[in-house]
Amino acid sequence: MIKKTLCFSNPIYLSLRNAQLVLHLPEVENNKTLPEAIKKEAERTIPIEDIGVVILDNRRITITSGAMETLLENNCAVITCNQKSMPVGLLLPLCGNTTQNERFRSQLEASLPLRKQLWQQTIKQKILNQEYVLRTNTDKETNCMRVWSNDVRSGDPDNLEARAAAYYWRNVFTTYPNFVRDREGVPPNNLLNYGYAILRAIIARALVGSGLLPTLGIHHHNRYNAYCLADDIMEPYRPYVDQLVLDIIQCNLEISDITRDLKMQLLGIPMLDVVINGKRSPLMIAAQQTTASLAKCFAGECKRISYPEM
């Protein structure tokens, strides 16, 4: 089942009633000039079990402890944004799987050779997906990227990921010939940042649902990063966000600010159509298949992570 992604950009009061998320618009309820019939219509309810991601993008949003607790109990990722409407925080449940303790142990005890092999698989698929985006959107030569993908060794000691990334970013945005991928850089970096934040939440949510510890990565190990594993596993998924941003650029001349319309398009990331294990699936469902296969790799039940192929 596809979970809903909810983004609240206006002042709103979120509470809980009968396992439903209740949405109140305070500006409507407090307006004495409006008839009661209209005020009643200002309230809406959504089953919490249908929600996968909630984005809080306004400083005047109020959410009750009961609503927050129930969202987390249903493995919902809650994202908070700063005054520039960029995601800055991610809240996930502490326990999202009945066999979490067992899976934590398998993950913690994973050998270095296994982690290096899993990273090799991750980078190979990331480069292949980047190659597809570059080949289908530009006239640039991409044979080199296929060669780099084939040459990735266990643990990627040659850092072919960085070589492929440098070539990819230099050529993928033809309308921005001098583009440099930088979190603080000029557009379309803002769109990429927003899209990757949504993707990170989806992957982190799927990891928790598979009973894994998002903090302990197979490659990333920044001591200040609470979601190293999410950053690892999302790598082959990043080109899907890149493709969406390319599609947005073709339809919008102005992307200096992330408008409401641009947000709505980026919030469609969970529903993007991907191919995984030879079958089409929404990205959010594919992420669950990927993390479930990763848990099996840690447990010694399989040797390959299921990643989407573009």
Protein backbone atom coordinates (compact mmCIF):
# COMPACT_ATOMS: atom_id res chain seq x y z
CA MET A 1 0.00 0.00 0.00
CA ILE A 2 1.29 3.46 -0.93
CA LYS A 3 1.52 5.70 2.12
CA LYS A 4 0.57 9.37 1.81
CA THR A 5 3.07 12.21 2.02
CA LEU A 6 1.58 15.23 3.79
CA CYS A 7 3.16 18.68 3.67
CA PHE A 8 1.81 21.45 5.90
CA SER A 9 3.00 24.92 4.82
CA ASN A 10 0.38 27.03 6.62
CA PRO A 11 -0.48 27.46 10.31
CA ILE A 12 -2.42 24.40 11.41
CA TYR A 13 -3.31 22.45 14.53
CA LEU A 14 -2.74 18.69 14.33
CA SER A 15 -4.29 16.39 16.90
CA LEU A 16 -5.47 12.80 17.34
CA ARG A 17 -8.97 11.35 17.44
CA ASN A 18 -9.93 7.68 16.98
CA ALA A 19 -6.62 6.81 15.29
CA GLN A 20 -7.19 9.68 12.87
CA LEU A 21 -4.97 12.70 12.35
CA VAL A 22 -7.26 15.69 12.81
CA LEU A 23 -6.43 18.87 10.90
CA HIS A 24 -7.72 22.18 12.27
CA LEU A 25 -7.25 25.53 10.54
CA PRO A 26 -7.08 28.04 13.44
CA GLU A 27 -7.49 31.09 11.23
CA VAL A 28 -10.83 29.76 10.03
CA GLU A 29 -12.05 28.53 13.42
CA ASN A 30 -11.21 31.85 15.11
CA ASN A 31 -12.91 33.96 12.45
CA LYS A 32 -16.16 35.14 14.08
CA THR A 33 -17.57 36.44 10.82
CA LEU A 34 -17.76 33.01 9.20
CA PRO A 35 -20.86 30.81 9.62
CA GLU A 36 -20.54 27.62 11.70
CA ALA A 37 -21.10 25.41 8.65
CA ILE A 38 -17.93 26.71 7.04
CA LYS A 39 -15.99 26.38 10.30
CA LYS A 40 -16.94 22.71 10.55
CA GLU A 41 -15.69 22.12 7.03
CA ALA A 42 -12.32 23.54 8.11
CA GLU A 43 -11.68 20.28 9.99
CA ARG A 44 -10.40 17.23 8.16
CA THR A 45 -9.36 13.78 9.32
CA ILE A 46 -6.88 11.34 7.77
CA PRO A 47 -6.29 7.73 8.96
CA ILE A 48 -2.82 7.66 10.49
CA GLU A 49 -2.20 4.18 9.10
CA ASP A 50 -2.35 5.72 5.60
CA ILE A 51 0.45 8.24 6.29
CA GLY A 52 4.11 7.55 5.49
CA VAL A 53 5.76 10.99 5.62
CA VAL A 54 4.71 14.25 7.30
CA ILE A 55 6.49 17.53 6.51
CA LEU A 56 6.06 20.42 8.95
CA ASP A 57 6.93 23.57 7.01
CA ASN A 58 5.63 26.44 9.12
CA ARG A 59 6.71 27.81 12.49
CA ARG A 60 3.10 28.21 13.60
CA ILE A 61 2.20 24.54 13.31
CA THR A 62 1.06 22.87 16.51
CA ILE A 63 1.03 19.08 16.86
CA THR A 64 -0.10 17.23 19.97
CA SER A 65 2.02 14.64 21.75
CA GLY A 66 -0.68 12.03 21.11
CA ALA A 67 -0.64 12.66 17.37
CA MET A 68 3.16 12.52 17.27
CA GLU A 69 3.22 9.28 19.28
CA THR A 70 0.70 7.55 17.04
CA LEU A 71 2.46 8.69 13.86
CA LEU A 72 5.73 7.17 15.12
CA GLU A 73 4.00 3.97 16.23
CA ASN A 74 2.87 3.58 12.62
CA ASN A 75 6.44 4.06 11.33
CA CYS A 76 5.80 7.51 9.91
CA ALA A 77 8.75 9.80 9.18
CA VAL A 78 8.23 13.35 10.45
CA ILE A 79 10.32 16.06 8.75
CA THR A 80 10.72 19.58 10.14
CA CYS A 81 11.78 22.55 8.00
CA ASN A 82 13.61 25.81 8.73
CA GLN A 83 12.50 29.35 7.92
CA LYS A 84 13.73 28.86 4.35
CA SER A 85 11.40 25.85 3.96
CA MET A 86 14.35 23.45 3.70
CA PRO A 87 14.17 20.16 5.66
CA VAL A 88 16.43 20.28 8.73
CA GLY A 89 15.12 17.55 11.05
CA LEU A 90 13.91 13.96 10.80
CA LEU A 91 12.03 12.05 13.50
CA LEU A 92 11.67 8.25 13.31
CA PRO A 93 10.37 5.55 15.68
CA LEU A 94 12.89 3.81 17.94
CA CYS A 95 11.35 0.43 17.19
CA GLY A 96 9.82 -0.47 13.83
CA ASN A 97 10.21 -4.25 13.65
CA THR A 98 9.35 -7.13 15.98
CA THR A 99 12.76 -8.79 15.49
CA GLN A 100 14.70 -5.55 15.78
CA ASN A 101 17.13 -6.82 18.46
CA GLU A 102 18.13 -9.81 16.34
CA ARG A 103 18.59 -7.67 13.23
CA PHE A 104 20.57 -5.07 15.14
CA ARG A 105 22.98 -7.81 16.21
CA SER A 106 23.37 -9.10 12.65
CA GLN A 107 24.05 -5.58 11.45
CA LEU A 108 26.54 -4.82 14.23
CA GLU A 109 28.38 -8.09 13.66
CA ALA A 110 28.63 -7.69 9.88
CA SER A 111 32.21 -8.30 8.76
CA LEU A 112 34.30 -5.70 6.98
CA PRO A 113 34.50 -7.80 3.77
CA LEU A 114 30.68 -8.03 3.71
CA ARG A 115 30.28 -4.28 4.17
CA LYS A 116 32.79 -3.64 1.39
CA GLN A 117 30.94 -5.99 -0.96
CA LEU A 118 27.62 -4.30 -0.18
CA TRP A 119 29.19 -0.92 -0.87
CA GLN A 120 30.55 -2.22 -4.18
CA GLN A 121 27.03 -3.28 -5.21
CA THR A 122 25.67 0.09 -4.14
CA ILE A 123 28.16 2.16 -6.14
CA LYS A 124 27.91 -0.05 -9.25
CA GLN A 125 24.15 0.48 -9.39
CA LYS A 126 24.41 4.19 -8.60
CA ILE A 127 26.82 4.76 -11.50
CA LEU A 128 24.64 2.71 -13.85
CA ASN A 129 21.57 4.75 -12.89
CA GLN A 130 23.52 7.99 -13.34
CA GLU A 131 24.66 6.76 -16.75
CA TYR A 132 21.05 6.21 -17.77
CA VAL A 133 20.02 9.72 -16.73
CA LEU A 134 22.97 11.25 -18.57
CA ARG A 135 22.43 9.17 -21.71
CA THR A 136 18.68 9.86 -21.97
CA ASN A 137 18.89 13.60 -21.27
CA THR A 138 22.06 14.68 -23.06
CA ASP A 139 24.22 13.78 -26.04
CA LYS A 140 27.28 13.25 -23.86
CA GLU A 141 29.41 10.12 -24.11
CA THR A 142 28.50 7.64 -21.35
CA ASN A 143 30.55 4.55 -22.20
CA CYS A 144 33.12 5.69 -19.65
CA MET A 145 30.51 5.47 -16.90
CA ARG A 146 29.61 1.90 -17.83
CA VAL A 147 33.32 1.05 -17.73
CA TRP A 148 33.69 2.69 -14.31
CA SER A 149 30.68 0.73 -13.03
CA ASN A 150 32.19 -2.56 -14.19
CA ASP A 151 35.54 -1.65 -12.63
CA VAL A 152 34.23 -0.91 -9.12
CA ARG A 153 35.98 -3.23 -6.71
CA SER A 154 35.03 -4.31 -3.20
CA GLY A 155 34.87 -1.18 -1.05
CA ASP A 156 35.54 1.03 -4.10
CA PRO A 157 39.21 1.65 -3.17
CA ASP A 158 39.76 3.50 -6.45
CA ASN A 159 36.97 5.95 -5.57
CA LEU A 160 35.27 5.48 -8.92
CA GLU A 161 32.11 6.88 -7.36
CA ALA A 162 33.76 10.31 -7.17
CA ARG A 163 35.16 10.06 -10.71
CA ALA A 164 31.75 9.16 -12.11
CA ALA A 165 30.06 11.89 -10.05
CA ALA A 166 32.45 14.57 -11.32
CA TYR A 167 31.74 13.62 -14.94
CA TYR A 168 28.02 13.26 -14.32
CA TRP A 169 27.46 16.63 -12.62
CA ARG A 170 29.62 18.44 -15.16
CA ASN A 171 27.38 17.29 -17.99
CA VAL A 172 23.89 16.43 -16.76
CA PHE A 173 22.35 19.95 -16.57
CA THR A 174 22.83 21.22 -20.11
CA THR A 175 20.94 24.44 -19.36
CA TYR A 176 23.44 25.18 -16.57
CA PRO A 177 26.81 24.53 -18.28
CA ASN A 178 28.89 25.63 -15.28
CA PHE A 179 26.83 23.73 -12.72
CA VAL A 180 28.60 22.49 -9.60
CA ARG A 181 26.87 20.18 -7.15
CA ASP A 182 27.03 22.01 -3.82
CA ARG A 183 24.50 22.04 -0.97
CA GLU A 184 24.93 25.80 -0.66
CA GLY A 185 25.27 26.36 -4.40
CA VAL A 186 23.05 28.05 -6.95
CA PRO A 187 19.89 26.44 -8.38
CA PRO A 188 19.05 23.73 -9.19
CA ASN A 189 20.97 22.73 -6.05
CA ASN A 190 17.98 23.89 -4.01
CA LEU A 191 15.68 21.43 -5.80
CA LEU A 192 18.20 18.61 -5.39
CA ASN A 193 18.59 19.38 -1.67
CA TYR A 194 14.85 19.29 -1.10
CA GLY A 195 14.36 16.14 -3.15
CA TYR A 196 17.24 14.31 -1.46
CA ALA A 197 15.84 15.22 1.96
CA ILE A 198 12.51 13.61 1.04
CA LEU A 199 14.33 10.57 -0.36
CA ARG A 200 16.46 10.26 2.78
CA ALA A 201 13.36 10.20 4.96
CA ILE A 202 11.80 7.48 2.78
CA ILE A 203 14.93 5.30 3.00
CA ALA A 204 15.38 5.89 6.74
CA ARG A 205 11.74 4.97 7.34
CA ALA A 206 12.17 1.77 5.31
CA LEU A 207 15.34 0.86 7.26
CA VAL A 208 13.56 1.22 10.58
CA GLY A 209 10.66 -0.85 9.23
CA SER A 210 13.15 -3.58 8.32
CA GLY A 211 14.55 -3.59 11.86
CA LEU A 212 17.87 -1.96 10.96
CA LEU A 213 19.82 0.80 12.66
CA PRO A 214 19.97 3.85 10.37
CA THR A 215 22.96 5.26 12.25
CA LEU A 216 25.38 2.41 11.45
CA GLY A 217 26.41 2.69 7.80
CA ILE A 218 28.19 0.24 5.53
CA HIS A 219 30.42 3.04 4.23
CA HIS A 220 29.43 6.45 5.62
CA HIS A 221 30.66 6.84 9.20
CA ASN A 222 30.51 10.53 10.08
CA ARG A 223 30.32 10.70 13.87
CA TYR A 224 27.81 13.56 13.65
CA ASN A 225 25.49 11.82 11.17
CA ALA A 226 22.57 9.93 12.70
CA TYR A 227 21.53 8.42 9.36
CA CYS A 228 24.72 7.02 7.84
CA LEU A 229 23.04 3.84 6.59
CA ALA A 230 20.23 5.83 4.99
CA ASP A 231 22.85 7.91 3.17
CA ASP A 232 24.49 4.69 1.95
CA ILE A 233 21.35 2.96 0.72
CA MET A 234 19.84 6.01 -0.95
CA GLU A 235 22.79 6.39 -3.36
CA PRO A 236 21.30 4.33 -6.27
CA TYR A 237 17.99 6.15 -5.73
CA ARG A 238 19.46 9.64 -6.13
CA PRO A 239 19.34 9.58 -9.96
CA TYR A 240 15.53 9.28 -9.74
CA VAL A 241 15.48 12.63 -7.95
CA ASP A 242 17.92 14.02 -10.52
CA GLN A 243 15.60 12.94 -13.34
CA LEU A 244 12.62 14.55 -11.62
CA VAL A 245 14.57 17.81 -11.24
CA LEU A 246 15.51 17.68 -14.93
CA ASP A 247 11.83 17.26 -15.80
CA ILE A 248 10.93 20.22 -13.57
CA ILE A 249 13.57 22.42 -15.20
CA GLN A 250 12.16 21.67 -18.65
CA CYS A 251 8.73 22.92 -17.54
CA ASN A 252 9.73 25.83 -15.28
CA LEU A 253 11.89 28.77 -16.23
CA GLU A 254 12.07 30.10 -12.67
CA ILE A 255 13.50 27.76 -10.00
CA SER A 256 15.37 30.23 -7.79
CA ASP A 257 12.73 29.73 -5.09
CA ILE A 258 10.99 26.50 -4.18
CA THR A 259 7.39 27.54 -4.73
CA ARG A 260 4.33 25.62 -3.67
CA ASP A 261 4.00 24.11 -7.16
CA LEU A 262 7.63 22.98 -7.15
CA LYS A 263 7.16 21.42 -3.72
CA MET A 264 4.13 19.51 -4.92
CA GLN A 265 6.17 18.01 -7.75
CA LEU A 266 9.05 17.08 -5.43
CA LEU A 267 6.64 15.56 -2.92
CA GLY A 268 5.75 13.05 -5.63
CA ILE A 269 9.08 11.27 -5.10
CA PRO A 270 7.54 8.42 -3.04
CA MET A 271 5.25 7.64 -5.97
CA LEU A 272 7.91 7.68 -8.70
CA ASP A 273 7.77 4.61 -10.91
CA VAL A 274 10.88 2.42 -10.57
CA VAL A 275 11.88 -1.07 -11.72
CA ILE A 276 13.17 -3.42 -9.04
CA ASN A 277 13.63 -7.18 -9.34
CA GLY A 278 12.25 -6.91 -12.88
CA LYS A 279 8.93 -5.43 -11.74
CA ARG A 280 7.56 -1.90 -11.69
CA SER A 281 6.90 -0.46 -8.27
CA PRO A 282 6.43 2.93 -6.57
CA LEU A 283 9.69 4.17 -5.09
CA MET A 284 8.41 3.95 -1.51
CA ILE A 285 7.58 0.25 -1.94
CA ALA A 286 10.89 -0.37 -3.73
CA ALA A 287 12.73 1.16 -0.78
CA GLN A 288 11.11 -1.38 1.52
CA GLN A 289 12.24 -4.20 -0.77
CA THR A 290 15.77 -2.78 -0.79
CA THR A 291 16.03 -2.55 2.99
CA ALA A 292 14.45 -5.98 3.48
CA SER A 293 17.10 -7.49 1.18
CA LEU A 294 19.82 -5.62 3.10
CA ALA A 295 18.60 -7.17 6.35
CA LYS A 296 18.85 -10.61 4.72
CA CYS A 297 22.41 -9.82 3.62
CA PHE A 298 23.38 -8.98 7.20
CA ALA A 299 21.72 -12.20 8.37
CA GLY A 300 23.60 -14.27 5.78
CA GLU A 301 20.41 -15.26 3.95
CA CYS A 302 21.37 -13.63 0.63
CA LYS A 303 24.36 -11.93 -0.97
CA ARG A 304 22.88 -9.09 -3.00
CA ILE A 305 20.91 -5.95 -2.18
CA SER A 306 17.86 -5.42 -4.37
CA TYR A 307 18.31 -2.00 -5.96
CA PRO A 308 16.18 -0.30 -8.63
CA GLU A 309 17.46 -0.24 -12.19
CA MET A 310 16.77 2.66 -14.52
